[in-house]
Amino acid sequence: MEHDLIEIARISGPKGLKGQMWIIPYGDSFERFRSYSHLRIGKTGERMKVLSCSRHKGRYLLSLEGVSARGQVEDLAGGALFIERSQLEEPGEGEYYWHDLLGMTVRDLDGRELGKVVRIFNAGSSDIYVVDEEKEHYIPATADVVREISLDAGTIVIDSSLLEGLLD
């Protein structure tokens, strides 16, 4: 079951006294929170019903059934929130979930292997793929740089000529 869990956010801390929590969603996942019936705190946590989710002053709030006190949220701060893969909708054409891209091998158009995707973060205008744990190549996930993504082959092909000097 653990491999069917997808990390979608992190708990940053409590708001108020009644168990509401500030969260940091990954990617654009917060917009989808309204469709999730249950979440798990940690990979081994029990399923908890989503009571409410909202945006407040540019930040994100979440309430879960069974979390009703500030102290509970303080104990959970820093913890990861997971959903079951079955709750995910299919991505659109040319869209990918971050968890599906992690671990994929990145190659340039000449076939040179640059490493594996070890982290992804959003930089506003695009996502950034961090490739190779030691070298940490930062690859913008834009259409001109990323030429092909093959989930079946586990590869991402990029045009490295657009990143000259950044991959040395």
Protein backbone atom coordinates (compact mmCIF):
# COMPACT_ATOMS: atom_id res chain seq x y z
CA MET A 1 0.00 0.00 0.00
CA GLU A 2 2.89 2.38 0.77
CA HIS A 3 3.84 2.62 -2.93
CA ASP A 4 0.25 3.71 -3.65
CA LEU A 5 0.68 6.81 -1.49
CA ILE A 6 1.65 10.13 -3.06
CA GLU A 7 3.14 12.96 -0.99
CA ILE A 8 1.27 16.14 -1.86
CA ALA A 9 2.01 18.68 0.90
CA ARG A 10 3.77 19.41 4.16
CA ILE A 11 2.24 20.72 7.39
CA SER A 12 3.89 23.98 8.40
CA GLY A 13 2.05 24.70 11.66
CA PRO A 14 -1.20 25.50 13.46
CA LYS A 15 -3.65 28.35 12.92
CA GLY A 16 -5.77 29.16 15.92
CA LEU A 17 -6.77 26.75 18.64
CA LYS A 18 -9.17 24.34 16.92
CA GLY A 19 -6.89 22.14 14.83
CA GLN A 20 -6.63 24.11 11.59
CA MET A 21 -3.24 23.75 9.97
CA TRP A 22 -1.17 25.76 7.54
CA ILE A 23 0.14 23.57 4.75
CA ILE A 24 2.61 23.93 1.90
CA PRO A 25 1.23 22.10 -1.15
CA TYR A 26 3.56 20.75 -3.83
CA GLY A 27 3.09 21.99 -7.38
CA ASP A 28 -0.44 23.10 -8.12
CA SER A 29 -1.86 20.36 -5.92
CA PHE A 30 -3.81 22.69 -3.62
CA GLU A 31 -6.43 23.37 -6.26
CA ARG A 32 -7.16 19.65 -6.23
CA PHE A 33 -7.52 19.38 -2.44
CA ARG A 34 -11.26 20.02 -2.76
CA SER A 35 -11.63 16.73 -4.61
CA TYR A 36 -9.76 14.63 -2.02
CA SER A 37 -12.01 12.81 0.41
CA HIS A 38 -9.23 11.61 2.71
CA LEU A 39 -5.57 12.31 3.44
CA ARG A 40 -2.92 10.55 5.48
CA ILE A 41 -0.37 12.22 7.70
CA GLY A 42 2.79 10.25 7.11
CA LYS A 43 2.98 7.06 5.09
CA THR A 44 1.73 4.94 7.97
CA GLY A 45 -0.96 7.33 9.19
CA GLU A 46 -4.62 6.46 9.20
CA ARG A 47 -7.02 7.87 6.61
CA MET A 48 -8.45 11.18 7.80
CA LYS A 49 -11.47 12.87 6.27
CA VAL A 50 -10.87 16.33 4.79
CA LEU A 51 -13.25 18.74 6.54
CA SER A 52 -12.19 21.95 4.82
CA CYS A 53 -9.45 23.50 2.75
CA SER A 54 -9.09 27.14 1.84
CA ARG A 55 -6.70 29.83 0.80
CA HIS A 56 -6.13 32.61 3.32
CA LYS A 57 -3.92 35.64 2.64
CA GLY A 58 -1.83 33.76 0.09
CA ARG A 59 -1.37 30.73 2.34
CA TYR A 60 -3.23 27.44 2.58
CA LEU A 61 -5.38 26.09 5.43
CA LEU A 62 -6.59 22.57 6.02
CA SER A 63 -8.85 20.91 8.59
CA LEU A 64 -8.92 17.14 9.07
CA GLU A 65 -11.34 15.00 11.04
CA GLY A 66 -9.74 13.93 14.30
CA VAL A 67 -7.41 16.95 14.52
CA SER A 68 -9.20 19.45 16.76
CA ALA A 69 -6.56 21.10 18.93
CA ARG A 70 -3.58 23.38 18.39
CA GLY A 71 -1.28 20.99 20.27
CA GLN A 72 -2.10 18.17 17.85
CA VAL A 73 -1.09 20.33 14.90
CA GLU A 74 2.08 21.46 16.68
CA ASP A 75 3.02 17.78 17.06
CA LEU A 76 2.33 17.20 13.35
CA ALA A 77 4.26 20.25 12.08
CA GLY A 78 6.81 19.27 9.46
CA GLY A 79 4.91 16.09 8.66
CA ALA A 80 4.01 15.11 5.13
CA LEU A 81 0.47 14.75 3.79
CA PHE A 82 -0.28 11.86 1.43
CA ILE A 83 -3.16 10.77 -0.77
CA GLU A 84 -3.85 7.40 -2.26
CA ARG A 85 -2.95 7.20 -5.94
CA SER A 86 -6.55 6.20 -6.71
CA GLN A 87 -7.66 9.73 -5.75
CA LEU A 88 -5.56 11.34 -8.48
CA GLU A 89 -7.20 12.33 -11.71
CA GLU A 90 -5.40 11.46 -14.91
CA PRO A 91 -3.05 14.27 -15.98
CA GLY A 92 -3.82 16.06 -19.23
CA GLU A 93 -1.81 15.70 -22.42
CA GLY A 94 1.78 16.76 -21.79
CA GLU A 95 1.20 17.00 -18.01
CA TYR A 96 2.96 14.84 -15.45
CA TYR A 97 2.85 14.36 -11.72
CA TRP A 98 6.11 15.19 -9.99
CA HIS A 99 6.25 11.80 -8.27
CA ASP A 100 6.21 10.11 -11.68
CA LEU A 101 9.21 12.16 -12.87
CA LEU A 102 11.39 11.63 -9.80
CA GLY A 103 14.11 9.08 -10.53
CA MET A 104 13.83 9.41 -14.30
CA THR A 105 17.08 9.53 -16.29
CA VAL A 106 17.81 12.82 -18.07
CA ARG A 107 19.71 12.75 -21.36
CA ASP A 108 20.56 15.45 -23.87
CA LEU A 109 19.78 15.25 -27.59
CA ASP A 110 23.18 13.60 -28.21
CA GLY A 111 22.36 10.80 -25.75
CA ARG A 112 24.72 12.02 -23.00
CA GLU A 113 23.32 11.02 -19.60
CA LEU A 114 23.16 13.91 -17.13
CA GLY A 115 21.78 11.99 -14.17
CA LYS A 116 18.47 11.28 -12.51
CA VAL A 117 15.78 13.71 -11.37
CA VAL A 118 16.26 13.92 -7.60
CA ARG A 119 14.01 16.89 -6.77
CA ILE A 120 11.50 19.17 -8.43
CA PHE A 121 10.36 22.61 -7.35
CA ASN A 122 8.24 25.35 -8.82
CA ALA A 123 10.04 28.59 -9.67
CA GLY A 124 6.96 30.58 -10.61
CA SER A 125 7.02 30.52 -14.39
CA SER A 126 8.03 26.85 -14.62
CA ASP A 127 9.03 23.80 -12.65
CA ILE A 128 12.73 23.12 -12.18
CA TYR A 129 14.11 19.59 -12.33
CA VAL A 130 17.14 19.09 -10.09
CA VAL A 131 19.27 16.44 -11.78
CA ASP A 132 22.16 14.50 -10.20
CA GLU A 133 22.41 14.50 -6.40
CA GLU A 134 26.04 15.73 -6.36
CA LYS A 135 26.20 18.15 -9.30
CA GLU A 136 22.64 19.47 -8.90
CA HIS A 137 21.93 20.56 -12.45
CA TYR A 138 18.91 22.87 -12.53
CA ILE A 139 16.85 22.18 -15.66
CA PRO A 140 13.85 24.41 -16.41
CA ALA A 141 10.85 22.33 -17.41
CA THR A 142 9.94 24.47 -20.41
CA ALA A 143 8.85 23.26 -23.84
CA ASP A 144 12.01 24.58 -25.53
CA VAL A 145 14.34 22.76 -23.08
CA VAL A 146 12.42 19.54 -22.37
CA ARG A 147 11.95 17.85 -25.72
CA GLU A 148 10.55 14.47 -24.69
CA ILE A 149 9.29 12.71 -21.58
CA SER A 150 8.78 8.96 -21.75
CA LEU A 151 7.30 7.49 -18.59
CA ASP A 152 7.52 4.01 -20.11
CA ALA A 153 11.26 4.34 -20.83
CA GLY A 154 11.92 6.37 -17.68
CA THR A 155 13.71 9.09 -19.62
CA ILE A 156 13.58 12.83 -20.16
CA VAL A 157 15.37 14.24 -23.21
CA ILE A 158 16.50 17.87 -23.08
CA ASP A 159 18.13 20.34 -25.45
CA SER A 160 21.28 21.07 -23.48
CA SER A 161 22.46 23.67 -26.01
CA LEU A 162 20.02 26.09 -24.39
CA LEU A 163 21.71 25.56 -21.01
CA GLU A 164 25.29 26.15 -22.12
CA GLY A 165 27.60 26.65 -19.17
CA LEU A 166 25.01 25.41 -16.67
CA LEU A 167 25.74 21.72 -17.04
CA ASP A 168 29.52 21.72 -16.58
